Amino acid sequence: MTPPPAATATKGGARPQVAVKSIDVEGIERVYVWDIVVRSTHWFTMIAIFILAITGVYIGTPYLIPAQPGGEHFVMATMKVVHFYTAIAFTLLVATRLVWMFVGSYYARWHQFIPIGTRRRNDVIRMIKFYSLLSKDPPLNVGHNPLAGLTYLLVYALYVLMILTGLAMYSVSASGYMEFWEFLVPIFGGLQTARWIHHIAMWFILGFFAHHIWSAMLVSRLEGMGLIDSMFSGYKFLPRRWRKRLSLSWRDRDRPYEDD
């Protein structure tokens, strides 16, 4: 579909002209890319991060002052319970997604995160040029673009770091089997250092989250393949000429194509 032309002027001044892309509607087809595990872990992880960030900031620096006597203890206890149970859900979501990298569908697997093939390695450079404003169009990819894949590996490393530092802090006041994780405290240089790492990692994750929203909207607008929609439905809209490459092995799919 060809987007409508930009208006010549709007209230408050002229509207910048947007380059119109001509897309052959008859030459595209709907292809199932993201399976239910990928989509559900994506959205539930996002919700968990929001809850963990809000409750975690309160636990570190209480910002609510209840009027009734002793109310601050009730609020802190509630925040801790919500934080701890959400952390359990977050850990299970991360573990599920990591396992799914090895047993899941094609576009959920590890080779979408590590640019093994020549084409995907070249696309890392092309995406860097695009984000650096040295190129006006991003390279087209069916699944994750390779630069995003590498970034997601770093994000999952932060997830694991958050989980381990959280277990280290919790083990000190825990009883029963959770005391097992106390061996992590000296590994992180003590309880206060583990707390500091936990806090800083959270801000890195929130920074990634902000960039993720911006880049998804930008790339989705320029690709015209339904990137954001696909995280709800699982389907992208791809050129029919790509049909042949979708039947190839991951090694062959990651080689350069003449029609790229």
Protein backbone atom coordinates (compact mmCIF):
# COMPACT_ATOMS: atom_id res chain seq x y z
CA MET A 1 0.00 0.00 0.00
CA THR A 2 1.23 3.47 -0.85
CA PRO A 3 0.97 5.88 2.09
CA PRO A 4 -1.00 9.08 1.47
CA PRO A 5 1.11 12.08 0.47
CA ALA A 6 2.09 14.45 3.23
CA ALA A 7 -0.02 17.57 3.53
CA THR A 8 1.62 20.71 2.29
CA ALA A 9 0.88 22.61 5.47
CA THR A 10 -0.62 22.06 8.90
CA LYS A 11 -1.65 24.30 11.73
CA GLY A 12 1.45 25.84 13.19
CA GLY A 13 3.60 25.65 10.07
CA ALA A 14 4.61 23.53 7.11
CA ARG A 15 4.82 19.78 7.52
CA PRO A 16 8.08 18.11 6.45
CA GLN A 17 7.71 16.11 3.26
CA VAL A 18 7.97 12.33 3.67
CA ALA A 19 9.45 10.22 0.91
CA VAL A 20 6.67 8.01 -0.48
CA LYS A 21 7.58 4.37 -1.00
CA SER A 22 5.87 2.49 -3.78
CA ILE A 23 4.92 -0.96 -2.50
CA ASP A 24 3.48 -3.60 -4.81
CA VAL A 25 0.56 -4.98 -2.81
CA GLU A 26 0.15 -7.90 -5.23
CA GLY A 27 3.83 -8.77 -4.75
CA ILE A 28 3.72 -9.37 -0.99
CA GLU A 29 2.46 -12.25 1.13
CA ARG A 30 1.64 -12.85 4.78
CA VAL A 31 4.28 -15.03 6.47
CA TYR A 32 4.20 -16.40 10.03
CA VAL A 33 7.46 -15.31 11.68
CA TRP A 34 7.04 -14.98 15.48
CA ASP A 35 5.58 -17.96 17.31
CA ILE A 36 3.44 -17.72 20.41
CA VAL A 37 6.34 -18.34 22.80
CA VAL A 38 8.38 -15.48 21.33
CA ARG A 39 5.44 -13.08 21.44
CA SER A 40 4.18 -14.01 24.90
CA THR A 41 7.62 -13.90 26.54
CA HIS A 42 8.24 -10.54 24.84
CA TRP A 43 5.12 -8.85 26.23
CA PHE A 44 5.09 -10.52 29.65
CA THR A 45 8.77 -9.66 30.12
CA MET A 46 7.97 -6.03 29.30
CA ILE A 47 5.19 -5.97 31.92
CA ALA A 48 7.45 -7.64 34.49
CA ILE A 49 10.23 -5.08 33.90
CA PHE A 50 7.81 -2.21 34.52
CA ILE A 51 6.58 -3.73 37.79
CA LEU A 52 10.11 -4.61 38.94
CA ALA A 53 11.38 -1.11 38.16
CA ILE A 54 8.56 0.65 40.05
CA THR A 55 8.72 -1.60 43.11
CA GLY A 56 12.52 -1.80 43.05
CA VAL A 57 12.94 1.97 43.10
CA TYR A 58 10.54 2.15 46.07
CA ILE A 59 12.41 -0.57 47.97
CA GLY A 60 15.66 1.33 47.45
CA THR A 61 14.22 4.80 48.09
CA PRO A 62 10.69 4.85 49.60
CA TYR A 63 8.70 7.70 48.08
CA LEU A 64 5.23 7.13 49.60
CA ILE A 65 4.40 8.41 53.09
CA PRO A 66 1.16 6.83 54.41
CA ALA A 67 -0.90 8.94 56.80
CA GLN A 68 -1.74 6.19 59.29
CA PRO A 69 0.80 5.07 61.93
CA GLY A 70 2.86 2.11 60.78
CA GLY A 71 1.55 2.46 57.25
CA GLU A 72 5.01 2.77 55.78
CA HIS A 73 5.79 -0.77 56.92
CA PHE A 74 2.68 -2.10 55.20
CA VAL A 75 3.54 -0.32 51.95
CA MET A 76 7.15 -1.55 52.02
CA ALA A 77 6.04 -5.11 52.74
CA THR A 78 3.55 -4.98 49.86
CA MET A 79 6.18 -3.61 47.47
CA LYS A 80 8.63 -6.36 48.47
CA VAL A 81 6.06 -9.12 48.00
CA VAL A 82 5.06 -7.79 44.56
CA HIS A 83 8.74 -7.37 43.62
CA PHE A 84 9.73 -10.86 44.73
CA TYR A 85 6.86 -12.69 43.01
CA THR A 86 7.30 -10.66 39.84
CA ALA A 87 11.02 -11.50 39.95
CA ILE A 88 10.11 -15.20 40.02
CA ALA A 89 7.90 -14.72 36.95
CA PHE A 90 10.65 -12.69 35.25
CA THR A 91 13.21 -15.45 35.92
CA LEU A 92 10.91 -18.09 34.44
CA LEU A 93 10.26 -15.91 31.37
CA VAL A 94 13.98 -15.36 30.77
CA ALA A 95 14.75 -19.05 31.26
CA THR A 96 11.95 -20.01 28.85
CA ARG A 97 13.21 -17.65 26.17
CA LEU A 98 16.81 -18.84 26.54
CA VAL A 99 15.75 -22.47 26.16
CA TRP A 100 13.55 -21.50 23.20
CA MET A 101 16.64 -20.17 21.44
CA PHE A 102 17.70 -23.80 21.00
CA VAL A 103 14.43 -25.71 20.65
CA GLY A 104 12.03 -23.12 19.23
CA SER A 105 10.94 -22.21 15.72
CA TYR A 106 13.40 -20.99 13.07
CA TYR A 107 13.24 -17.25 13.78
CA ALA A 108 13.39 -17.80 17.55
CA ARG A 109 16.72 -19.65 17.45
CA TRP A 110 20.25 -18.65 18.42
CA HIS A 111 21.46 -17.98 14.86
CA GLN A 112 19.09 -14.99 14.75
CA PHE A 113 21.15 -13.41 17.53
CA ILE A 114 24.68 -14.30 16.41
CA PRO A 115 25.49 -13.14 12.83
CA ILE A 116 27.09 -16.32 11.51
CA GLY A 117 26.43 -15.90 7.79
CA THR A 118 28.08 -13.40 5.46
CA ARG A 119 24.83 -11.60 4.73
CA ARG A 120 23.99 -11.02 8.38
CA ARG A 121 27.53 -9.86 9.18
CA ASN A 122 27.28 -7.35 6.34
CA ASP A 123 23.88 -6.25 7.61
CA VAL A 124 25.38 -5.38 11.01
CA ILE A 125 27.48 -2.72 9.27
CA ARG A 126 24.51 -1.60 7.16
CA MET A 127 22.33 -1.18 10.26
CA ILE A 128 25.06 0.83 12.02
CA LYS A 129 25.22 3.11 8.97
CA PHE A 130 21.43 3.45 9.05
CA TYR A 131 21.32 4.41 12.74
CA SER A 132 24.28 6.76 12.16
CA LEU A 133 22.30 8.54 9.40
CA LEU A 134 24.87 7.46 6.80
CA SER A 135 22.24 5.38 4.99
CA LYS A 136 18.57 6.21 4.48
CA ASP A 137 17.21 2.65 4.30
CA PRO A 138 17.74 -0.29 6.70
CA PRO A 139 18.55 -3.74 5.27
CA LEU A 140 15.48 -5.96 5.08
CA ASN A 141 15.39 -9.09 7.23
CA VAL A 142 12.64 -11.61 7.87
CA GLY A 143 13.44 -12.13 11.56
CA HIS A 144 15.61 -9.97 13.80
CA ASN A 145 18.01 -7.71 12.01
CA PRO A 146 21.52 -8.86 13.01
CA LEU A 147 22.44 -5.70 14.94
CA ALA A 148 19.24 -6.03 16.97
CA GLY A 149 20.06 -9.70 17.54
CA LEU A 150 23.47 -8.84 18.98
CA THR A 151 21.87 -6.16 21.16
CA TYR A 152 19.32 -8.65 22.48
CA LEU A 153 22.18 -10.94 23.55
CA LEU A 154 23.57 -8.10 25.66
CA VAL A 155 20.10 -7.40 27.05
CA TYR A 156 19.67 -11.04 28.07
CA ALA A 157 23.10 -10.91 29.72
CA LEU A 158 21.77 -7.95 31.74
CA TYR A 159 18.64 -9.97 32.56
CA VAL A 160 20.78 -12.82 33.92
CA LEU A 161 22.90 -10.32 35.88
CA MET A 162 19.76 -8.82 37.39
CA ILE A 163 18.50 -12.27 38.38
CA LEU A 164 21.79 -13.34 39.99
CA THR A 165 22.30 -10.09 41.92
CA GLY A 166 18.67 -10.26 43.04
CA LEU A 167 19.17 -13.81 44.31
CA ALA A 168 22.33 -12.73 46.12
CA MET A 169 20.51 -9.92 47.95
CA TYR A 170 17.47 -12.06 48.75
CA SER A 171 19.55 -14.96 50.11
CA VAL A 172 20.87 -12.88 53.03
CA SER A 173 17.46 -12.52 54.67
CA ALA A 174 15.93 -15.72 53.27
CA SER A 175 15.46 -19.06 54.96
CA GLY A 176 15.34 -22.57 53.60
CA TYR A 177 16.49 -23.42 50.09
CA MET A 178 16.92 -19.77 49.07
CA GLU A 179 19.93 -19.55 51.41
CA PHE A 180 21.77 -21.60 48.79
CA TRP A 181 22.31 -18.44 46.71
CA GLU A 182 24.32 -16.73 49.44
CA PHE A 183 27.51 -17.93 47.74
CA LEU A 184 26.86 -15.22 45.11
CA VAL A 185 27.37 -12.38 47.60
CA PRO A 186 31.20 -12.55 47.72
CA ILE A 187 31.31 -13.16 43.95
CA PHE A 188 29.70 -9.75 43.42
CA GLY A 189 32.04 -8.12 45.97
CA GLY A 190 29.61 -7.92 48.84
CA LEU A 191 25.97 -7.10 49.41
CA GLN A 192 26.23 -3.38 48.75
CA THR A 193 28.12 -3.90 45.47
CA ALA A 194 25.52 -6.45 44.36
CA ARG A 195 22.80 -3.88 45.12
CA TRP A 196 24.67 -1.21 43.13
CA ILE A 197 25.09 -3.55 40.11
CA HIS A 198 21.41 -4.48 40.35
CA HIS A 199 20.41 -0.81 40.35
CA ILE A 200 22.68 0.25 37.46
CA ALA A 201 21.65 -2.75 35.33
CA MET A 202 18.01 -1.71 35.76
CA TRP A 203 18.71 1.73 34.27
CA PHE A 204 20.55 0.18 31.34
CA ILE A 205 17.53 -2.04 30.68
CA LEU A 206 15.13 0.91 30.88
CA GLY A 207 17.40 2.86 28.50
CA PHE A 208 17.31 -0.05 26.06
CA PHE A 209 13.53 -0.17 26.42
CA ALA A 210 13.21 3.49 25.36
CA HIS A 211 15.51 2.97 22.36
CA HIS A 212 13.71 -0.26 21.45
CA ILE A 213 10.39 1.56 21.11
CA TRP A 214 11.92 4.34 18.99
CA SER A 215 13.88 2.01 16.69
CA ALA A 216 10.90 -0.35 16.25
CA MET A 217 8.66 2.52 15.13
CA LEU A 218 11.36 3.89 12.82
CA VAL A 219 12.29 0.60 11.16
CA SER A 220 8.65 -0.49 10.91
CA ARG A 221 7.80 2.75 9.09
CA LEU A 222 10.66 2.39 6.60
CA GLU A 223 10.48 -1.38 6.01
CA GLY A 224 6.74 -1.49 5.43
CA MET A 225 6.69 -5.15 6.54
CA GLY A 226 4.44 -4.82 9.60
CA LEU A 227 7.23 -5.14 12.17
CA ILE A 228 5.28 -3.86 15.19
CA ASP A 229 2.05 -5.58 14.12
CA SER A 230 3.93 -8.87 13.88
CA MET A 231 4.67 -8.85 17.61
CA PHE A 232 0.91 -9.12 18.17
CA SER A 233 -0.16 -11.38 15.30
CA GLY A 234 3.08 -13.22 14.53
CA TYR A 235 2.79 -12.36 10.82
CA LYS A 236 4.94 -10.12 8.63
CA PHE A 237 4.26 -9.01 5.06
CA LEU A 238 7.16 -10.07 2.85
CA PRO A 239 7.97 -9.87 -0.88
CA ARG A 240 6.81 -12.94 -2.78
CA ARG A 241 10.26 -13.19 -4.36
CA TRP A 242 11.56 -14.17 -0.91
CA ARG A 243 9.47 -17.36 -0.88
CA LYS A 244 12.32 -19.47 -2.23
CA ARG A 245 14.78 -18.34 0.42
CA LEU A 246 12.33 -19.19 3.22
CA SER A 247 12.73 -22.90 2.41
CA LEU A 248 16.53 -22.84 2.70
CA SER A 249 18.64 -23.88 5.70
CA TRP A 250 19.77 -21.14 8.09
CA ARG A 251 23.29 -21.24 6.62
CA ASP A 252 22.00 -20.69 3.07
CA ARG A 253 19.49 -18.05 4.15
CA ASP A 254 22.29 -16.01 5.65
CA ARG A 255 24.19 -15.73 2.37
CA PRO A 256 23.92 -12.59 0.23
CA TYR A 257 21.08 -12.55 -2.33
CA GLU A 258 21.02 -10.92 -5.74
CA ASP A 259 17.66 -9.24 -5.01
CA ASP A 260 18.72 -7.64 -1.70
